Amino acid sequence: MQSRTPEFYRSLPKVDLHRHLEGSLRLGTLLEVARAFDLDLPGTGRLRPMVQINHSDPLTSQNFLSKFETLREFYRSPEVIARLTKEAIADAAADNIRYLELRFTPVALSRVEDFPMNEVLDWVIQGANEASSKYEISTRLIASVNRHESLELAAKVIELAIDRREDGIVGIDLAGNEAEFPTTPFAPLFQEARQSGMHITVHAGEWGGPENIRQAINLLGAERIGHGVRIMEDETLVTQAGERETTFEVCITSNYQSGVVAELREHQLKKMIAAGLNVTINTDDPSISQVTLSDEYRVACEQLGLTFETLHERVLAAVQAAFLPAADRKLLANSLEGEFPSLD
């Protein structure tokens, strides 16, 4: 595909189904919070490598996840949490993202100050509602639980999220270190969540093998798989996921930075699409990775070889995979279709 300007990719209407609030924090805001709360953290030059991937970093899951350990120190007040939420949505809107599903981890946001988790959810909801209205971006929220934390905590988060279905929380996500912590113990909780009307997405097939994807689909009832690139190691599972129309929330740069793929150009995105899998393109943690969704679209086309037509199809596929009622998906698809440029 011919090279196009960054402005061209920024102009495209976009959908991001896989973006973590905790990985979307502005460095300038972190410095302001550190000063306001007298946190024992270094200045800009030394803080950046603690919260963002840099060229000298090892490309491993351990290094990637280590950034979140530092970021957990910043959730110091209701006002900070609401501000971080609003800024994450403002940044998405500035990248011409028209529909955003922002996932957040209540346990992480509550821990440093021991905030009640029900209040944490409400602060995020409040921030999301204000920013969505101000920046004219449609936003829904997904509550995440981590594999390495207790089932009791997961059950509490899921219960609180279900209680807030009418307030914009549309799904439950299982995240965390899938290579060392199993999926199966969470199956009853996720089945209950789905029966209560919540949508299900699960991180799988990123740092762990394809068996984790199989368990996510068959045991947890996952409609969407976060990342999932290692599905290509199992032809039978590729067929099953294709037949079930399971959606894959692929995050190209994140997969490279966390060591899932050895070289950016070796990413499985194009092979997944060729195999008939329902693939979408997303950011994961834009601040940690120092990317925008425009950057990911550009990489998909200009480094991985997607045609513009295929990119267009993947954006519309993301609309159809959104955790929205069918009527809302149709309206969103019509809106984006009318704004996508014709390159004939």
Protein backbone atom coordinates (compact mmCIF):
# COMPACT_ATOMS: atom_id res chain seq x y z
CA MET A 1 0.00 0.00 0.00
CA GLN A 2 1.25 3.48 -0.79
CA SER A 3 2.52 5.64 2.06
CA ARG A 4 0.04 8.17 3.42
CA THR A 5 0.52 11.07 5.78
CA PRO A 6 -0.11 10.87 9.54
CA GLU A 7 -2.88 13.42 8.97
CA PHE A 8 -4.63 10.99 6.65
CA TYR A 9 -4.78 8.30 9.33
CA ARG A 10 -5.85 10.81 11.98
CA SER A 11 -8.73 11.86 9.74
CA LEU A 12 -10.22 8.37 9.61
CA PRO A 13 -13.21 7.67 11.87
CA LYS A 14 -12.20 4.99 14.35
CA VAL A 15 -13.42 2.43 16.86
CA ASP A 16 -11.30 1.22 19.77
CA LEU A 17 -12.63 -1.83 21.62
CA HIS A 18 -9.53 -2.58 23.69
CA ARG A 19 -8.07 0.35 25.64
CA HIS A 20 -7.12 0.30 29.32
CA LEU A 21 -7.73 3.41 31.40
CA GLU A 22 -4.66 2.63 33.49
CA GLY A 23 -2.52 2.55 30.35
CA SER A 24 -3.88 5.83 28.98
CA LEU A 25 -2.55 8.38 31.49
CA ARG A 26 -0.87 11.60 30.42
CA LEU A 27 2.69 11.97 31.66
CA GLY A 28 2.10 15.65 32.48
CA THR A 29 -0.87 14.77 34.66
CA LEU A 30 1.15 12.14 36.51
CA LEU A 31 3.74 14.76 37.34
CA GLU A 32 1.04 17.13 38.60
CA VAL A 33 -0.43 14.41 40.79
CA ALA A 34 3.02 13.50 42.13
CA ARG A 35 3.60 17.11 43.17
CA ALA A 36 0.12 17.60 44.60
CA PHE A 37 0.33 14.50 46.77
CA ASP A 38 4.06 14.75 47.51
CA LEU A 39 4.78 11.36 45.98
CA ASP A 40 8.36 10.17 46.22
CA LEU A 41 8.85 9.84 42.46
CA PRO A 42 11.45 11.27 40.05
CA GLY A 43 10.94 14.13 37.59
CA THR A 44 9.93 13.90 33.96
CA GLY A 45 13.13 12.43 32.57
CA ARG A 46 13.29 9.63 35.11
CA LEU A 47 9.56 9.04 35.49
CA ARG A 48 8.98 8.42 31.78
CA PRO A 49 10.84 5.06 31.62
CA MET A 50 8.93 3.90 34.69
CA VAL A 51 5.55 4.35 33.01
CA GLN A 52 6.26 4.11 29.26
CA ILE A 53 8.05 1.68 26.95
CA ASN A 54 11.36 3.07 25.74
CA HIS A 55 13.73 1.96 23.00
CA SER A 56 16.20 0.47 25.49
CA ASP A 57 13.57 -1.59 27.33
CA PRO A 58 13.56 -5.40 27.11
CA LEU A 59 10.59 -6.48 25.04
CA THR A 60 9.02 -8.80 27.61
CA SER A 61 5.71 -9.22 29.37
CA GLN A 62 7.43 -8.66 32.71
CA ASN A 63 8.74 -5.27 31.64
CA PHE A 64 5.42 -4.27 30.11
CA LEU A 65 3.46 -5.19 33.23
CA SER A 66 6.00 -3.43 35.47
CA LYS A 67 4.76 -0.06 34.20
CA PHE A 68 1.41 -0.66 35.89
CA GLU A 69 3.09 -1.12 39.27
CA THR A 70 4.30 2.48 39.15
CA LEU A 71 1.01 3.76 37.74
CA ARG A 72 -0.89 2.32 40.70
CA GLU A 73 0.72 4.97 42.92
CA PHE A 74 -1.22 7.81 41.27
CA TYR A 75 -4.86 6.98 42.07
CA ARG A 76 -4.99 9.28 45.07
CA SER A 77 -8.43 10.90 45.12
CA PRO A 78 -11.88 10.82 43.54
CA GLU A 79 -10.97 13.95 41.60
CA VAL A 80 -7.79 12.37 40.22
CA ILE A 81 -9.59 9.22 39.11
CA ALA A 82 -12.35 11.21 37.41
CA ARG A 83 -9.75 13.47 35.77
CA LEU A 84 -7.73 10.54 34.44
CA THR A 85 -10.90 9.06 32.98
CA LYS A 86 -11.89 12.31 31.30
CA GLU A 87 -8.43 12.84 29.85
CA ALA A 88 -8.28 9.31 28.45
CA ILE A 89 -11.57 9.91 26.64
CA ALA A 90 -10.51 13.39 25.49
CA ASP A 91 -7.35 11.91 23.96
CA ALA A 92 -9.38 9.25 22.17
CA ALA A 93 -11.72 11.89 20.76
CA ALA A 94 -8.72 13.95 19.57
CA ASP A 95 -7.66 10.90 17.54
CA ASN A 96 -11.08 10.84 15.84
CA ILE A 97 -12.23 7.76 17.72
CA ARG A 98 -16.00 7.81 17.43
CA TYR A 99 -16.75 4.84 19.67
CA LEU A 100 -14.59 3.78 22.61
CA GLU A 101 -14.84 0.92 25.04
CA LEU A 102 -12.62 1.89 27.95
CA ARG A 103 -11.78 -0.88 30.37
CA PHE A 104 -10.62 -0.21 33.89
CA THR A 105 -9.55 -2.25 36.91
CA PRO A 106 -11.44 -1.19 40.06
CA VAL A 107 -9.07 -3.11 42.35
CA ALA A 108 -6.07 -1.21 40.95
CA LEU A 109 -7.78 2.16 41.25
CA SER A 110 -8.91 1.52 44.81
CA ARG A 111 -5.86 -0.11 46.37
CA VAL A 112 -3.36 2.62 47.22
CA GLU A 113 -5.88 4.67 49.26
CA ASP A 114 -8.19 1.76 50.12
CA PHE A 115 -11.14 3.42 48.41
CA PRO A 116 -14.48 1.57 48.46
CA MET A 117 -14.74 -0.13 45.10
CA ASN A 118 -18.35 0.88 44.58
CA GLU A 119 -17.28 4.51 44.81
CA VAL A 120 -14.39 3.94 42.40
CA LEU A 121 -16.79 2.60 39.79
CA ASP A 122 -19.02 5.63 40.26
CA TRP A 123 -16.11 8.07 39.88
CA VAL A 124 -15.09 6.44 36.60
CA ILE A 125 -18.69 6.45 35.36
CA GLN A 126 -19.04 10.12 36.26
CA GLY A 127 -15.82 11.06 34.48
CA ALA A 128 -16.76 9.01 31.42
CA ASN A 129 -20.21 10.58 31.15
CA GLU A 130 -18.86 14.11 31.42
CA ALA A 131 -16.09 13.58 28.88
CA SER A 132 -18.28 11.69 26.42
CA SER A 133 -20.74 14.58 26.37
CA LYS A 134 -18.07 17.28 26.19
CA TYR A 135 -16.01 15.67 23.43
CA GLU A 136 -18.90 14.09 21.52
CA ILE A 137 -17.57 10.55 21.64
CA SER A 138 -19.66 7.50 22.42
CA THR A 139 -18.06 5.65 25.34
CA ARG A 140 -18.90 2.44 27.16
CA LEU A 141 -17.04 0.93 30.11
CA ILE A 142 -15.71 -2.55 30.80
CA ALA A 143 -14.74 -3.63 34.32
CA SER A 144 -11.57 -5.74 34.44
CA VAL A 145 -10.48 -8.33 36.96
CA ASN A 146 -7.01 -9.89 37.12
CA ARG A 147 -6.10 -13.57 37.11
CA HIS A 148 -3.47 -13.07 39.82
CA GLU A 149 -5.97 -11.62 42.28
CA SER A 150 -8.52 -13.49 44.35
CA LEU A 151 -11.85 -14.86 43.21
CA GLU A 152 -13.45 -12.93 46.07
CA LEU A 153 -12.23 -9.63 44.62
CA ALA A 154 -13.36 -10.66 41.15
CA ALA A 155 -16.81 -11.57 42.45
CA LYS A 156 -17.14 -8.19 44.15
CA VAL A 157 -16.15 -6.27 41.01
CA ILE A 158 -18.55 -8.28 38.88
CA GLU A 159 -21.40 -7.75 41.33
CA LEU A 160 -20.80 -3.98 41.38
CA ALA A 161 -20.55 -3.84 37.58
CA ILE A 162 -23.81 -5.73 37.13
CA ASP A 163 -25.51 -3.23 39.43
CA ARG A 164 -24.33 -0.46 37.06
CA ARG A 165 -25.44 -1.94 33.75
CA GLU A 166 -27.74 1.01 33.20
CA ASP A 167 -24.90 3.47 33.85
CA GLY A 168 -22.64 2.50 30.95
CA ILE A 169 -20.78 -0.58 32.18
CA VAL A 170 -21.42 -3.10 29.43
CA GLY A 171 -18.86 -5.84 29.95
CA ILE A 172 -16.49 -7.82 32.14
CA ASP A 173 -12.88 -8.50 31.22
CA LEU A 174 -10.36 -11.01 32.55
CA ALA A 175 -6.82 -9.64 32.30
CA GLY A 176 -3.41 -10.13 33.91
CA ASN A 177 -0.62 -12.64 33.55
CA GLU A 178 -2.15 -15.55 31.67
CA ALA A 179 1.19 -17.39 31.43
CA GLU A 180 1.34 -17.99 35.19
CA PHE A 181 -2.27 -17.79 36.40
CA PRO A 182 -5.09 -19.99 35.09
CA THR A 183 -8.37 -19.01 33.50
CA THR A 184 -10.61 -21.87 34.64
CA PRO A 185 -11.27 -20.76 38.27
CA PHE A 186 -13.06 -17.68 36.95
CA ALA A 187 -15.51 -19.63 34.77
CA PRO A 188 -18.48 -19.69 37.23
CA LEU A 189 -18.19 -15.95 37.89
CA PHE A 190 -18.10 -15.09 34.20
CA GLN A 191 -20.98 -17.42 33.39
CA GLU A 192 -23.02 -15.69 36.08
CA ALA A 193 -22.08 -12.28 34.71
CA ARG A 194 -23.17 -13.25 31.23
CA GLN A 195 -26.46 -14.61 32.53
CA SER A 196 -26.97 -11.22 34.20
CA GLY A 197 -26.67 -9.43 30.86
CA MET A 198 -23.00 -8.48 30.84
CA HIS A 199 -20.84 -8.96 27.77
CA ILE A 200 -17.61 -10.94 28.13
CA THR A 201 -14.13 -10.27 26.80
CA VAL A 202 -11.02 -12.16 27.94
CA HIS A 203 -7.30 -11.56 27.51
CA ALA A 204 -5.97 -14.82 26.06
CA GLY A 205 -3.48 -16.13 23.55
CA GLU A 206 -1.11 -13.25 24.20
CA TRP A 207 1.54 -14.49 26.65
CA GLY A 208 -0.12 -17.88 26.98
CA GLY A 209 -0.88 -20.43 24.29
CA PRO A 210 -4.02 -21.14 22.26
CA GLU A 211 -5.48 -23.38 24.97
CA ASN A 212 -6.22 -20.22 26.95
CA ILE A 213 -8.29 -18.94 24.02
CA ARG A 214 -10.21 -22.22 23.90
CA GLN A 215 -10.98 -21.98 27.62
CA ALA A 216 -12.01 -18.34 27.32
CA ILE A 217 -14.51 -19.19 24.58
CA ASN A 218 -15.82 -22.50 25.89
CA LEU A 219 -15.69 -22.01 29.67
CA LEU A 220 -16.04 -18.25 30.18
CA GLY A 221 -18.35 -17.58 27.23
CA ALA A 222 -16.07 -14.93 25.74
CA GLU A 223 -17.58 -13.08 22.82
CA ARG A 224 -14.29 -11.29 22.23
CA ILE A 225 -10.68 -12.21 22.84
CA GLY A 226 -8.16 -9.60 23.88
CA HIS A 227 -5.10 -10.04 21.65
CA GLY A 228 -5.43 -13.75 20.77
CA VAL A 229 -2.60 -13.75 18.24
CA ARG A 230 -1.34 -17.18 19.29
CA ILE A 231 -4.50 -18.77 17.96
CA MET A 232 -2.59 -19.34 14.73
CA GLU A 233 -0.70 -22.13 16.50
CA ASP A 234 -3.90 -24.26 16.54
CA GLU A 235 -5.67 -24.82 13.22
CA THR A 236 -8.66 -26.54 14.84
CA LEU A 237 -9.22 -23.59 17.14
CA VAL A 238 -8.92 -21.16 14.21
CA THR A 239 -11.77 -23.02 12.55
CA GLN A 240 -13.87 -23.06 15.72
CA ALA A 241 -13.36 -19.35 16.42
CA GLY A 242 -14.16 -18.51 12.80
CA GLU A 243 -17.38 -20.52 12.89
CA ARG A 244 -18.45 -18.89 16.16
CA GLU A 245 -17.53 -15.44 14.82
CA THR A 246 -15.44 -14.72 17.89
CA THR A 247 -13.93 -11.25 17.67
CA PHE A 248 -10.22 -10.67 18.26
CA GLU A 249 -9.11 -7.35 19.76
CA VAL A 250 -5.64 -7.14 18.25
CA CYS A 251 -3.15 -4.54 19.54
CA ILE A 252 -0.16 -4.51 17.20
CA THR A 253 2.42 -2.32 18.95
CA SER A 254 1.59 -3.71 22.38
CA ASN A 255 2.13 -7.26 21.10
CA TYR A 256 5.58 -6.31 19.86
CA GLN A 257 6.59 -4.37 22.96
CA SER A 258 5.51 -7.16 25.32
CA GLY A 259 7.40 -9.82 23.38
CA VAL A 260 4.43 -11.64 21.85
CA VAL A 261 5.94 -11.17 18.38
CA ALA A 262 9.69 -10.97 17.83
CA GLU A 263 9.50 -8.40 15.03
CA LEU A 264 6.74 -5.92 14.28
CA ARG A 265 6.59 -7.05 10.65
CA GLU A 266 6.04 -10.64 11.82
CA HIS A 267 2.75 -9.79 13.53
CA GLN A 268 0.00 -12.32 12.81
CA LEU A 269 -2.69 -9.75 12.02
CA LYS A 270 -2.77 -10.30 8.27
CA LYS A 271 -2.65 -14.10 8.64
CA MET A 272 -5.51 -13.98 11.12
CA ILE A 273 -7.63 -12.01 8.66
CA ALA A 274 -6.69 -14.35 5.80
CA ALA A 275 -7.77 -17.31 7.97
CA GLY A 276 -11.25 -15.82 8.24
CA LEU A 277 -11.01 -14.61 11.83
CA ASN A 278 -12.99 -11.55 12.87
CA VAL A 279 -10.13 -9.19 13.68
CA THR A 280 -10.28 -5.62 14.99
CA ILE A 281 -7.39 -3.17 15.52
CA ASN A 282 -6.99 -1.44 18.89
CA THR A 283 -4.47 0.37 21.11
CA ASP A 284 -4.33 -1.53 24.44
CA ASP A 285 -2.30 1.01 26.46
CA PRO A 286 -1.64 4.08 24.32
CA SER A 287 0.35 6.02 26.91
CA ILE A 288 2.55 3.10 27.93
CA SER A 289 3.17 2.22 24.26
CA GLN A 290 3.32 5.89 23.15
CA VAL A 291 0.90 5.26 20.27
CA THR A 292 -2.47 6.38 18.99
CA LEU A 293 -5.02 4.33 17.08
CA SER A 294 -4.01 6.36 14.03
CA ASP A 295 -0.50 4.97 14.50
CA GLU A 296 -1.86 1.43 14.71
CA TYR A 297 -3.86 1.87 11.51
CA ARG A 298 -0.74 3.21 9.77
CA VAL A 299 1.38 0.27 10.96
CA ALA A 300 -1.31 -2.18 9.85
CA CYS A 301 -1.34 -0.75 6.35
CA GLU A 302 2.21 0.37 5.75
CA GLN A 303 4.21 -2.25 7.66
CA LEU A 304 1.92 -5.26 7.74
CA GLY A 305 0.51 -4.76 4.25
CA LEU A 306 -3.22 -4.36 4.87
CA THR A 307 -5.05 -2.72 2.02
CA PHE A 308 -7.12 0.36 2.74
CA GLU A 309 -10.22 -1.64 1.84
CA THR A 310 -9.34 -4.27 4.46
CA LEU A 311 -8.71 -1.56 7.06
CA HIS A 312 -12.14 -0.12 6.26
CA GLU A 313 -13.67 -3.57 6.75
CA ARG A 314 -11.91 -4.00 10.10
CA VAL A 315 -13.25 -0.68 11.37
CA LEU A 316 -16.78 -1.75 10.47
CA ALA A 317 -16.11 -5.16 12.03
CA ALA A 318 -15.27 -3.37 15.27
CA VAL A 319 -18.62 -1.58 15.09
CA GLN A 320 -20.44 -4.88 14.72
CA ALA A 321 -18.48 -6.36 17.65
CA ALA A 322 -19.20 -3.41 19.94
CA PHE A 323 -21.05 -4.18 23.16
CA LEU A 324 -24.04 -2.16 21.99
CA PRO A 325 -27.65 -2.94 21.11
CA ALA A 326 -28.15 -3.83 17.45
CA ALA A 327 -29.93 -0.56 16.68
CA ASP A 328 -27.04 1.47 18.10
CA ARG A 329 -24.52 -0.57 16.12
CA LYS A 330 -26.46 0.12 12.94
CA LEU A 331 -26.53 3.86 13.61
CA LEU A 332 -22.80 3.89 14.34
CA ALA A 333 -22.00 1.89 11.22
CA ASN A 334 -24.03 4.24 9.04
CA SER A 335 -22.30 7.25 10.56
CA LEU A 336 -18.79 5.89 10.06
CA GLU A 337 -19.53 4.57 6.58
CA GLY A 338 -20.54 8.04 5.50
CA GLU A 339 -17.27 9.53 6.80
CA PHE A 340 -14.81 6.99 5.46
CA PRO A 341 -13.00 8.46 2.44
CA SER A 342 -13.30 6.87 -0.97
CA LEU A 343 -9.94 6.18 -2.57
CA ASP A 344 -11.27 5.10 -5.96
